[in-house]
Amino acid sequence: PGFFLALIVGPGLAILAWLPGLKVLRNLLLALP
C-alpha cells in the first residue's frame, strides 16, 4: 500500500501542478522532494 499510495499521490500532484492556476503547487513540488 505504501508503494501504490506513492504512485497515486506523486503523479497525481504532478498532473494537478500542470493545470492552469496552480503555480503555487508547482513551485512547492520543485522544492519539496
PDB file of all heavy atoms in Angstrom:
ATOM      1  N   PRO A   1       0.822  -1.230   0.000  1.00  0.00           N
ATOM      2  CA  PRO A   1       0.000   0.000   0.000  1.00  0.00           C
ATOM      3  C   PRO A   1       0.845   1.263   0.000  1.00  0.00           C
ATOM      4  O   PRO A   1       0.438   2.275  -0.584  1.00  0.00           O
ATOM      5  CB  PRO A   1      -0.826  -0.127   1.283  1.00  0.00           C
ATOM      6  CG  PRO A   1      -0.104  -1.099   2.139  1.00  0.00           C
ATOM      7  CD  PRO A   1       0.574  -2.040   1.205  1.00  0.00           C
ATOM      8  N   GLY A   2       2.018   1.236   0.643  1.00  0.00           N
ATOM      9  CA  GLY A   2       2.885   2.407   0.631  1.00  0.00           C
ATOM     10  C   GLY A   2       3.367   2.732  -0.763  1.00  0.00           C
ATOM     11  O   GLY A   2       3.409   3.903  -1.178  1.00  0.00           O
ATOM     12  N   PHE A   3       3.736   1.704  -1.522  1.00  0.00           N
ATOM     13  CA  PHE A   3       4.223   1.901  -2.888  1.00  0.00           C
ATOM     14  C   PHE A   3       3.108   2.433  -3.786  1.00  0.00           C
ATOM     15  O   PHE A   3       3.307   3.380  -4.561  1.00  0.00           O
ATOM     16  CB  PHE A   3       4.762   0.572  -3.422  1.00  0.00           C
ATOM     17  CG  PHE A   3       5.457   0.686  -4.742  1.00  0.00           C
ATOM     18  CD1 PHE A   3       6.535   1.540  -4.910  1.00  0.00           C
ATOM     19  CD2 PHE A   3       5.058  -0.078  -5.830  1.00  0.00           C
ATOM     20  CE1 PHE A   3       7.199   1.633  -6.120  1.00  0.00           C
ATOM     21  CE2 PHE A   3       5.710   0.012  -7.038  1.00  0.00           C
ATOM     22  CZ  PHE A   3       6.773   0.868  -7.194  1.00  0.00           C
ATOM     23  N   PHE A   4       1.923   1.835  -3.690  1.00  0.00           N
ATOM     24  CA  PHE A   4       0.814   2.283  -4.536  1.00  0.00           C
ATOM     25  C   PHE A   4       0.329   3.677  -4.136  1.00  0.00           C
ATOM     26  O   PHE A   4      -0.075   4.465  -4.997  1.00  0.00           O
ATOM     27  CB  PHE A   4      -0.328   1.274  -4.497  1.00  0.00           C
ATOM     28  CG  PHE A   4      -0.117   0.095  -5.401  1.00  0.00           C
ATOM     29  CD1 PHE A   4       0.302  -1.120  -4.890  1.00  0.00           C
ATOM     30  CD2 PHE A   4      -0.302   0.199  -6.758  1.00  0.00           C
ATOM     31  CE1 PHE A   4       0.519  -2.204  -5.713  1.00  0.00           C
ATOM     32  CE2 PHE A   4      -0.100  -0.873  -7.607  1.00  0.00           C
ATOM     33  CZ  PHE A   4       0.313  -2.085  -7.085  1.00  0.00           C
ATOM     34  N   LEU A   5       0.369   3.985  -2.846  1.00  0.00           N
ATOM     35  CA  LEU A   5      -0.006   5.336  -2.420  1.00  0.00           C
ATOM     36  C   LEU A   5       0.962   6.361  -3.002  1.00  0.00           C
ATOM     37  O   LEU A   5       0.542   7.437  -3.460  1.00  0.00           O
ATOM     38  CB  LEU A   5      -0.020   5.423  -0.892  1.00  0.00           C
ATOM     39  CG  LEU A   5      -0.384   6.792  -0.301  1.00  0.00           C
ATOM     40  CD1 LEU A   5      -1.792   7.198  -0.716  1.00  0.00           C
ATOM     41  CD2 LEU A   5      -0.261   6.770   1.218  1.00  0.00           C
ATOM     42  N   ALA A   6       2.252   6.038  -2.997  1.00  0.00           N
ATOM     43  CA  ALA A   6       3.242   6.945  -3.584  1.00  0.00           C
ATOM     44  C   ALA A   6       3.014   7.112  -5.081  1.00  0.00           C
ATOM     45  O   ALA A   6       3.136   8.212  -5.620  1.00  0.00           O
ATOM     46  CB  ALA A   6       4.652   6.422  -3.314  1.00  0.00           C
ATOM     47  N   LEU A   7       2.658   6.004  -5.759  1.00  0.00           N
ATOM     48  CA  LEU A   7       2.412   6.075  -7.205  1.00  0.00           C
ATOM     49  C   LEU A   7       1.152   6.859  -7.529  1.00  0.00           C
ATOM     50  O   LEU A   7       1.032   7.412  -8.628  1.00  0.00           O
ATOM     51  CB  LEU A   7       2.292   4.657  -7.780  1.00  0.00           C
ATOM     52  CG  LEU A   7       3.590   3.852  -7.877  1.00  0.00           C
ATOM     53  CD1 LEU A   7       3.296   2.459  -8.414  1.00  0.00           C
ATOM     54  CD2 LEU A   7       4.604   4.559  -8.758  1.00  0.00           C
ATOM     55  N   ILE A   8       0.219   6.911  -6.597  1.00  0.00           N
ATOM     56  CA  ILE A   8      -1.005   7.683  -6.820  1.00  0.00           C
ATOM     57  C   ILE A   8      -0.790   9.150  -6.467  1.00  0.00           C
ATOM     58  O   ILE A   8      -1.127  10.054  -7.248  1.00  0.00           O
ATOM     59  CB  ILE A   8      -2.169   7.091  -6.000  1.00  0.00           C
ATOM     60  CG1 ILE A   8      -2.525   5.697  -6.514  1.00  0.00           C
ATOM     61  CG2 ILE A   8      -3.393   8.010  -6.047  1.00  0.00           C
ATOM     62  CD1 ILE A   8      -3.528   4.956  -5.652  1.00  0.00           C
ATOM     63  N   VAL A   9      -0.216   9.408  -5.300  1.00  0.00           N
ATOM     64  CA  VAL A   9      -0.061  10.773  -4.815  1.00  0.00           C
ATOM     65  C   VAL A   9       0.960  11.543  -5.657  1.00  0.00           C
ATOM     66  O   VAL A   9       0.703  12.687  -6.066  1.00  0.00           O
ATOM     67  CB  VAL A   9       0.358  10.776  -3.333  1.00  0.00           C
ATOM     68  CG1 VAL A   9       0.702  12.184  -2.866  1.00  0.00           C
ATOM     69  CG2 VAL A   9      -0.757  10.199  -2.477  1.00  0.00           C
ATOM     70  N   GLY A  10       2.112  10.939  -5.920  1.00  0.00           N
ATOM     71  CA  GLY A  10       3.160  11.642  -6.659  1.00  0.00           C
ATOM     72  C   GLY A  10       2.725  12.093  -8.044  1.00  0.00           C
ATOM     73  O   GLY A  10       2.679  13.304  -8.330  1.00  0.00           O
ATOM     74  N   PRO A  11       2.387  11.173  -8.947  1.00  0.00           N
ATOM     75  CA  PRO A  11       1.915  11.591 -10.277  1.00  0.00           C
ATOM     76  C   PRO A  11       0.639  12.424 -10.223  1.00  0.00           C
ATOM     77  O   PRO A  11       0.447  13.319 -11.053  1.00  0.00           O
ATOM     78  CB  PRO A  11       1.665  10.256 -10.987  1.00  0.00           C
ATOM     79  CG  PRO A  11       2.565   9.295 -10.298  1.00  0.00           C
ATOM     80  CD  PRO A  11       2.568   9.715  -8.862  1.00  0.00           C
ATOM     81  N   GLY A  12      -0.252  12.142  -9.250  1.00  0.00           N
ATOM     82  CA  GLY A  12      -1.479  12.947  -9.145  1.00  0.00           C
ATOM     83  C   GLY A  12      -1.178  14.410  -8.877  1.00  0.00           C
ATOM     84  O   GLY A  12      -1.776  15.306  -9.485  1.00  0.00           O
ATOM     85  N   LEU A  13      -0.241  14.668  -7.965  1.00  0.00           N
ATOM     86  CA  LEU A  13       0.145  16.054  -7.690  1.00  0.00           C
ATOM     87  C   LEU A  13       0.814  16.687  -8.898  1.00  0.00           C
ATOM     88  O   LEU A  13       0.626  17.885  -9.173  1.00  0.00           O
ATOM     89  CB  LEU A  13       1.082  16.094  -6.485  1.00  0.00           C
ATOM     90  CG  LEU A  13       0.463  15.783  -5.125  1.00  0.00           C
ATOM     91  CD1 LEU A  13       1.533  15.751  -4.043  1.00  0.00           C
ATOM     92  CD2 LEU A  13      -0.613  16.819  -4.770  1.00  0.00           C
ATOM     93  N   ALA A  14       1.604  15.904  -9.635  1.00  0.00           N
ATOM     94  CA  ALA A  14       2.269  16.435 -10.829  1.00  0.00           C
ATOM     95  C   ALA A  14       1.248  16.850 -11.881  1.00  0.00           C
ATOM     96  O   ALA A  14       1.408  17.886 -12.535  1.00  0.00           O
ATOM     97  CB  ALA A  14       3.225  15.394 -11.392  1.00  0.00           C
ATOM     98  N   ILE A  15       0.195  16.057 -12.041  1.00  0.00           N
ATOM     99  CA  ILE A  15      -0.849  16.406 -13.013  1.00  0.00           C
ATOM    100  C   ILE A  15      -1.578  17.670 -12.580  1.00  0.00           C
ATOM    101  O   ILE A  15      -1.854  18.562 -13.399  1.00  0.00           O
ATOM    102  CB  ILE A  15      -1.827  15.229 -13.176  1.00  0.00           C
ATOM    103  CG1 ILE A  15      -1.110  14.028 -13.806  1.00  0.00           C
ATOM    104  CG2 ILE A  15      -3.025  15.637 -14.025  1.00  0.00           C
ATOM    105  CD1 ILE A  15      -1.946  12.759 -13.831  1.00  0.00           C
ATOM    106  N   LEU A  16      -1.894  17.778 -11.294  1.00  0.00           N
ATOM    107  CA  LEU A  16      -2.563  18.982 -10.797  1.00  0.00           C
ATOM    108  C   LEU A  16      -1.687  20.217 -10.991  1.00  0.00           C
ATOM    109  O   LEU A  16      -2.182  21.297 -11.346  1.00  0.00           O
ATOM    110  CB  LEU A  16      -2.914  18.813  -9.319  1.00  0.00           C
ATOM    111  CG  LEU A  16      -4.021  17.812  -8.985  1.00  0.00           C
ATOM    112  CD1 LEU A  16      -4.180  17.682  -7.469  1.00  0.00           C
ATOM    113  CD2 LEU A  16      -5.343  18.233  -9.620  1.00  0.00           C
ATOM    114  N   ALA A  17      -0.383  20.067 -10.744  1.00  0.00           N
ATOM    115  CA  ALA A  17       0.522  21.204 -10.881  1.00  0.00           C
ATOM    116  C   ALA A  17       0.635  21.672 -12.325  1.00  0.00           C
ATOM    117  O   ALA A  17       0.995  22.816 -12.579  1.00  0.00           O
ATOM    118  CB  ALA A  17       1.903  20.837 -10.344  1.00  0.00           C
ATOM    119  N   TRP A  18       0.333  20.792 -13.280  1.00  0.00           N
ATOM    120  CA  TRP A  18       0.415  21.154 -14.693  1.00  0.00           C
ATOM    121  C   TRP A  18      -0.800  21.969 -15.140  1.00  0.00           C
ATOM    122  O   TRP A  18      -0.738  22.687 -16.121  1.00  0.00           O
ATOM    123  CB  TRP A  18       0.518  19.869 -15.514  1.00  0.00           C
ATOM    124  CG  TRP A  18       0.845  20.085 -16.959  1.00  0.00           C
ATOM    125  CD1 TRP A  18       2.071  20.283 -17.500  1.00  0.00           C
ATOM    126  CD2 TRP A  18      -0.083  20.087 -18.046  1.00  0.00           C
ATOM    127  NE1 TRP A  18       1.981  20.418 -18.853  1.00  0.00           N
ATOM    128  CE2 TRP A  18       0.655  20.298 -19.222  1.00  0.00           C
ATOM    129  CE3 TRP A  18      -1.467  19.942 -18.155  1.00  0.00           C
ATOM    130  CZ2 TRP A  18       0.070  20.363 -20.487  1.00  0.00           C
ATOM    131  CZ3 TRP A  18      -2.050  20.009 -19.403  1.00  0.00           C
ATOM    132  CH2 TRP A  18      -1.294  20.212 -20.555  1.00  0.00           C
ATOM    133  N   LEU A  19      -1.881  21.853 -14.385  1.00  0.00           N
ATOM    134  CA  LEU A  19      -3.103  22.551 -14.764  1.00  0.00           C
ATOM    135  C   LEU A  19      -2.985  24.050 -14.478  1.00  0.00           C
ATOM    136  O   LEU A  19      -2.233  24.468 -13.594  1.00  0.00           O
ATOM    137  CB  LEU A  19      -4.296  21.965 -13.997  1.00  0.00           C
ATOM    138  CG  LEU A  19      -4.601  20.485 -14.279  1.00  0.00           C
ATOM    139  CD1 LEU A  19      -5.739  20.003 -13.402  1.00  0.00           C
ATOM    140  CD2 LEU A  19      -4.928  20.276 -15.757  1.00  0.00           C
ATOM    141  N   PRO A  20      -3.715  24.891 -15.215  1.00  0.00           N
ATOM    142  CA  PRO A  20      -3.619  26.349 -15.019  1.00  0.00           C
ATOM    143  C   PRO A  20      -4.070  26.752 -13.615  1.00  0.00           C
ATOM    144  O   PRO A  20      -4.946  26.141 -13.011  1.00  0.00           O
ATOM    145  CB  PRO A  20      -4.581  26.898 -16.084  1.00  0.00           C
ATOM    146  CG  PRO A  20      -4.748  25.801 -17.088  1.00  0.00           C
ATOM    147  CD  PRO A  20      -4.616  24.527 -16.322  1.00  0.00           C
ATOM    148  N   GLY A  21      -3.446  27.798 -13.093  1.00  0.00           N
ATOM    149  CA  GLY A  21      -3.846  28.380 -11.825  1.00  0.00           C
ATOM    150  C   GLY A  21      -3.266  27.711 -10.602  1.00  0.00           C
ATOM    151  O   GLY A  21      -3.626  28.062  -9.472  1.00  0.00           O
ATOM    152  N   LEU A  22      -2.380  26.733 -10.790  1.00  0.00           N
ATOM    153  CA  LEU A  22      -1.795  26.033  -9.643  1.00  0.00           C
ATOM    154  C   LEU A  22      -0.278  26.199  -9.624  1.00  0.00           C
ATOM    155  O   LEU A  22       0.473  25.260  -9.366  1.00  0.00           O
ATOM    156  CB  LEU A  22      -2.165  24.546  -9.680  1.00  0.00           C
ATOM    157  CG  LEU A  22      -3.649  24.230  -9.476  1.00  0.00           C
ATOM    158  CD1 LEU A  22      -3.911  22.744  -9.621  1.00  0.00           C
ATOM    159  CD2 LEU A  22      -4.123  24.707  -8.108  1.00  0.00           C
ATOM    160  N   LYS A  23       0.181  27.402  -9.881  1.00  0.00           N
ATOM    161  CA  LYS A  23       1.610  27.678  -9.914  1.00  0.00           C
ATOM    162  C   LYS A  23       2.239  27.491  -8.529  1.00  0.00           C
ATOM    163  O   LYS A  23       3.390  27.070  -8.401  1.00  0.00           O
ATOM    164  CB  LYS A  23       1.858  29.107 -10.406  1.00  0.00           C
ATOM    165  CG  LYS A  23       3.330  29.437 -10.594  1.00  0.00           C
ATOM    166  CD  LYS A  23       3.501  30.830 -11.167  1.00  0.00           C
ATOM    167  CE  LYS A  23       4.987  31.144 -11.358  1.00  0.00           C
ATOM    168  NZ  LYS A  23       5.181  32.504 -11.923  1.00  0.00           N
ATOM    169  N   VAL A  24       1.469  27.783  -7.473  1.00  0.00           N
ATOM    170  CA  VAL A  24       1.995  27.614  -6.111  1.00  0.00           C
ATOM    171  C   VAL A  24       2.316  26.150  -5.842  1.00  0.00           C
ATOM    172  O   VAL A  24       3.371  25.820  -5.268  1.00  0.00           O
ATOM    173  CB  VAL A  24       0.975  28.142  -5.084  1.00  0.00           C
ATOM    174  CG1 VAL A  24       1.456  27.849  -3.667  1.00  0.00           C
ATOM    175  CG2 VAL A  24       0.762  29.641  -5.264  1.00  0.00           C
ATOM    176  N   LEU A  25       1.417  25.261  -6.259  1.00  0.00           N
ATOM    177  CA  LEU A  25       1.663  23.836  -6.086  1.00  0.00           C
ATOM    178  C   LEU A  25       2.879  23.400  -6.880  1.00  0.00           C
ATOM    179  O   LEU A  25       3.696  22.595  -6.406  1.00  0.00           O
ATOM    180  CB  LEU A  25       0.432  23.037  -6.526  1.00  0.00           C
ATOM    181  CG  LEU A  25       0.551  21.502  -6.469  1.00  0.00           C
ATOM    182  CD1 LEU A  25       0.844  21.039  -5.053  1.00  0.00           C
ATOM    183  CD2 LEU A  25      -0.713  20.853  -7.008  1.00  0.00           C
ATOM    184  N   ARG A  26       3.029  23.946  -8.065  1.00  0.00           N
ATOM    185  CA  ARG A  26       4.174  23.599  -8.904  1.00  0.00           C
ATOM    186  C   ARG A  26       5.487  24.002  -8.222  1.00  0.00           C
ATOM    187  O   ARG A  26       6.433  23.218  -8.165  1.00  0.00           O
ATOM    188  CB  ARG A  26       4.040  24.290 -10.256  1.00  0.00           C
ATOM    189  CG  ARG A  26       5.224  24.076 -11.184  1.00  0.00           C
ATOM    190  CD  ARG A  26       5.048  24.878 -12.468  1.00  0.00           C
ATOM    191  NE  ARG A  26       6.207  24.705 -13.305  1.00  0.00           N
ATOM    192  CZ  ARG A  26       6.390  23.683 -14.145  1.00  0.00           C
ATOM    193  NH1 ARG A  26       5.474  22.750 -14.219  1.00  0.00           N
ATOM    194  NH2 ARG A  26       7.472  23.588 -14.871  1.00  0.00           N
ATOM    195  N   ASN A  27       5.549  25.213  -7.719  1.00  0.00           N
ATOM    196  CA  ASN A  27       6.765  25.678  -7.047  1.00  0.00           C
ATOM    197  C   ASN A  27       7.055  24.852  -5.789  1.00  0.00           C
ATOM    198  O   ASN A  27       8.217  24.583  -5.464  1.00  0.00           O
ATOM    199  CB  ASN A  27       6.626  27.152  -6.680  1.00  0.00           C
ATOM    200  CG  ASN A  27       6.564  28.054  -7.911  1.00  0.00           C
ATOM    201  OD1 ASN A  27       7.076  27.693  -8.970  1.00  0.00           O
ATOM    202  ND2 ASN A  27       5.939  29.212  -7.775  1.00  0.00           N
ATOM    203  N   LEU A  28       5.985  24.453  -5.097  1.00  0.00           N
ATOM    204  CA  LEU A  28       6.168  23.640  -3.905  1.00  0.00           C
ATOM    205  C   LEU A  28       6.754  22.272  -4.255  1.00  0.00           C
ATOM    206  O   LEU A  28       7.662  21.775  -3.581  1.00  0.00           O
ATOM    207  CB  LEU A  28       4.827  23.470  -3.186  1.00  0.00           C
ATOM    208  CG  LEU A  28       4.842  22.601  -1.916  1.00  0.00           C
ATOM    209  CD1 LEU A  28       5.741  23.227  -0.854  1.00  0.00           C
ATOM    210  CD2 LEU A  28       3.432  22.411  -1.383  1.00  0.00           C
ATOM    211  N   LEU A  29       6.256  21.672  -5.330  1.00  0.00           N
ATOM    212  CA  LEU A  29       6.740  20.361  -5.735  1.00  0.00           C
ATOM    213  C   LEU A  29       8.193  20.412  -6.187  1.00  0.00           C
ATOM    214  O   LEU A  29       8.928  19.427  -6.068  1.00  0.00           O
ATOM    215  CB  LEU A  29       5.864  19.796  -6.852  1.00  0.00           C
ATOM    216  CG  LEU A  29       4.455  19.373  -6.448  1.00  0.00           C
ATOM    217  CD1 LEU A  29       3.693  18.857  -7.645  1.00  0.00           C
ATOM    218  CD2 LEU A  29       4.514  18.307  -5.360  1.00  0.00           C
ATOM    219  N   LEU A  30       8.619  21.546  -6.726  1.00  0.00           N
ATOM    220  CA  LEU A  30      10.006  21.666  -7.150  1.00  0.00           C
ATOM    221  C   LEU A  30      10.956  21.719  -5.963  1.00  0.00           C
ATOM    222  O   LEU A  30      12.122  21.319  -6.062  1.00  0.00           O
ATOM    223  CB  LEU A  30      10.189  22.921  -8.018  1.00  0.00           C
ATOM    224  CG  LEU A  30       9.562  22.869  -9.415  1.00  0.00           C
ATOM    225  CD1 LEU A  30       9.696  24.212 -10.108  1.00  0.00           C
ATOM    226  CD2 LEU A  30      10.225  21.769 -10.244  1.00  0.00           C
ATOM    227  N   ALA A  31      10.462  22.198  -4.818  1.00  0.00           N
ATOM    228  CA  ALA A  31      11.320  22.339  -3.643  1.00  0.00           C
ATOM    229  C   ALA A  31      11.148  21.209  -2.639  1.00  0.00           C
ATOM    230  O   ALA A  31      12.061  20.910  -1.869  1.00  0.00           O
ATOM    231  CB  ALA A  31      11.024  23.671  -2.942  1.00  0.00           C
ATOM    232  N   LEU A  32       9.984  20.560  -2.663  1.00  0.00           N
ATOM    233  CA  LEU A  32       9.648  19.601  -1.610  1.00  0.00           C
ATOM    234  C   LEU A  32      10.430  18.289  -1.664  1.00  0.00           C
ATOM    235  O   LEU A  32      10.821  17.771  -0.613  1.00  0.00           O
ATOM    236  CB  LEU A  32       8.145  19.302  -1.662  1.00  0.00           C
ATOM    237  CG  LEU A  32       7.537  18.580  -0.452  1.00  0.00           C
ATOM    238  CD1 LEU A  32       7.776  19.382   0.815  1.00  0.00           C
ATOM    239  CD2 LEU A  32       6.055  18.348  -0.675  1.00  0.00           C
ATOM    240  N   PRO A  33      10.678  17.685  -2.844  1.00  0.00           N
ATOM    241  CA  PRO A  33      11.317  16.361  -2.853  1.00  0.00           C
ATOM    242  C   PRO A  33      12.648  16.295  -2.128  1.00  0.00           C
ATOM    243  O   PRO A  33      12.897  15.372  -1.358  1.00  0.00           O
ATOM    244  CB  PRO A  33      11.495  16.076  -4.349  1.00  0.00           C
ATOM    245  CG  PRO A  33      10.401  16.835  -4.995  1.00  0.00           C
ATOM    246  CD  PRO A  33      10.267  18.093  -4.174  1.00  0.00           C
TER     247      PRO A  33
END
